[in-house]
Protein backbone atom coordinates (compact mmCIF):
# COMPACT_ATOMS: atom_id res chain seq x y z
CA MET A 1 82.89 3.15 9.17
CA THR A 2 81.38 3.09 12.91
CA ALA A 3 77.64 2.82 12.42
CA ALA A 4 76.33 6.65 13.64
CA ALA A 5 78.85 7.91 10.64
CA ARG A 6 76.91 5.93 8.11
CA SER A 7 74.03 6.79 10.06
CA SER A 8 74.37 10.36 9.20
CA SER A 9 75.42 10.22 5.43
CA GLU A 10 72.98 7.90 4.83
CA ARG A 11 70.48 11.08 5.46
CA VAL A 12 72.53 13.09 3.07
CA PRO A 13 70.11 13.76 0.13
CA ALA A 14 70.81 13.18 -2.95
CA PHE A 15 70.39 15.50 -5.89
CA THR A 16 68.98 14.62 -8.93
CA GLN A 17 68.96 17.49 -11.35
CA PRO A 18 69.39 20.96 -9.68
CA LEU A 19 67.70 24.50 -11.62
CA ASP A 20 70.65 26.01 -13.42
CA ARG A 21 70.53 29.35 -13.09
CA PRO A 22 68.27 30.61 -15.81
CA ALA A 23 65.77 28.27 -14.68
CA ALA A 24 65.71 29.74 -11.44
CA GLU A 25 65.97 33.05 -12.02
CA ALA A 26 62.62 32.68 -14.33
CA LEU A 27 61.04 30.79 -11.81
CA ALA A 28 62.43 32.98 -8.95
CA HIS A 29 60.50 35.88 -11.74
CA THR A 30 57.04 33.62 -11.77
CA LEU A 31 56.97 33.30 -8.27
CA LYS A 32 57.31 37.18 -7.51
CA LEU A 33 54.88 37.78 -10.35
CA VAL A 34 52.05 35.00 -8.01
CA ALA A 35 53.27 36.17 -5.26
CA ASP A 36 50.16 39.33 -5.41
CA PRO A 37 46.68 37.80 -3.81
CA THR A 38 45.00 39.69 -6.83
CA ARG A 39 46.66 37.61 -9.11
CA LEU A 40 45.93 34.96 -7.67
CA GLN A 41 42.35 35.37 -6.88
CA LEU A 42 42.08 35.95 -10.24
CA LEU A 43 44.35 32.57 -11.62
CA SER A 44 41.70 30.69 -9.07
CA MET A 45 39.09 32.83 -10.44
CA ILE A 46 39.68 31.30 -14.03
CA ASP A 47 40.35 27.94 -13.37
CA GLY A 48 37.38 27.58 -11.84
CA SER A 49 35.30 29.31 -14.51
CA PRO A 50 33.16 27.59 -16.67
CA GLY A 51 34.99 26.35 -19.44
CA GLY A 52 38.29 27.95 -17.96
CA GLU A 53 37.61 30.77 -19.99
CA VAL A 54 36.60 34.42 -18.51
CA THR A 55 36.42 38.22 -19.72
CA VAL A 56 37.93 41.31 -18.02
CA GLY A 57 34.53 42.57 -17.51
CA GLU A 58 33.54 38.80 -15.98
CA LEU A 59 36.31 39.47 -13.45
CA ALA A 60 36.12 43.08 -12.66
CA GLU A 61 32.44 42.60 -11.48
CA HIS A 62 33.54 39.46 -9.45
CA LEU A 63 36.53 41.02 -7.75
CA GLY A 64 34.49 44.31 -7.37
CA LEU A 65 37.64 46.20 -9.47
CA ARG A 66 37.81 47.74 -12.04
CA GLN A 67 38.32 46.53 -15.58
CA PRO A 68 41.72 48.44 -15.56
CA THR A 69 42.99 47.24 -13.06
CA ILE A 70 42.15 43.66 -13.92
CA SER A 71 43.59 44.51 -17.54
CA HIS A 72 47.39 45.53 -15.94
CA HIS A 73 46.99 41.76 -13.51
CA LEU A 74 46.16 39.74 -17.00
CA ARG A 75 48.48 41.89 -19.16
CA MET A 76 51.41 40.68 -16.49
CA LEU A 77 49.98 37.03 -16.26
CA PHE A 78 49.83 36.89 -20.16
CA GLU A 79 53.64 38.68 -20.81
CA ASP A 80 55.22 35.92 -17.59
CA GLY A 81 52.89 32.67 -20.53
CA LEU A 82 50.81 32.07 -17.49
CA LEU A 83 47.60 32.68 -19.28
CA GLU A 84 46.56 32.70 -23.17
CA ARG A 85 43.72 35.48 -24.42
CA GLU A 86 41.74 35.72 -27.71
CA PRO A 87 39.76 38.99 -28.51
CA ARG A 88 36.24 37.66 -30.11
CA GLY A 89 34.39 41.11 -30.80
CA ARG A 90 33.81 43.36 -27.97
CA HIS A 91 35.55 41.14 -25.29
CA VAL A 92 39.12 39.61 -24.64
CA TRP A 93 38.97 36.25 -23.21
CA TYR A 94 41.61 34.56 -21.11
CA TRP A 95 42.25 31.19 -19.98
CA ILE A 96 45.49 29.28 -17.95
CA ALA A 97 48.03 28.52 -20.60
CA ALA A 98 47.74 24.89 -21.39
CA ASP A 99 51.96 24.24 -20.61
CA ARG A 100 51.53 26.29 -17.11
CA ARG A 101 48.26 24.66 -16.47
CA GLU A 102 49.46 21.96 -14.04
CA ALA A 103 51.70 23.93 -12.52
CA ILE A 104 49.35 26.84 -11.68
CA VAL A 105 46.74 24.36 -10.39
CA ASP A 106 49.57 22.74 -7.90
CA LEU A 107 49.92 26.01 -7.19
CA LEU A 108 46.81 26.92 -6.09
CA ARG A 109 45.89 23.68 -4.06
């Protein structure tokens, strides 16, 4: 084998475990979901909030959007498993799901 042939073959990356099709489709769905600027803002606000949790009203007030609009975006993030929620009294509190937190924080950097 010539030095040139050896050099080019050494540059070929070795793949460890590529995503299988279902995992790739799930990731693509999540990436499409968070590609929306409003949803990215919501995730960054939730991540940066004191205690890591916020209400719909707080998010709506800060972004200057109506509560139904915020609720729609939060519902999409919740249904994808990115957020968790809990009703407390008259408010619903949202936070980033523990098992997705690291990925979301990395995404927001």
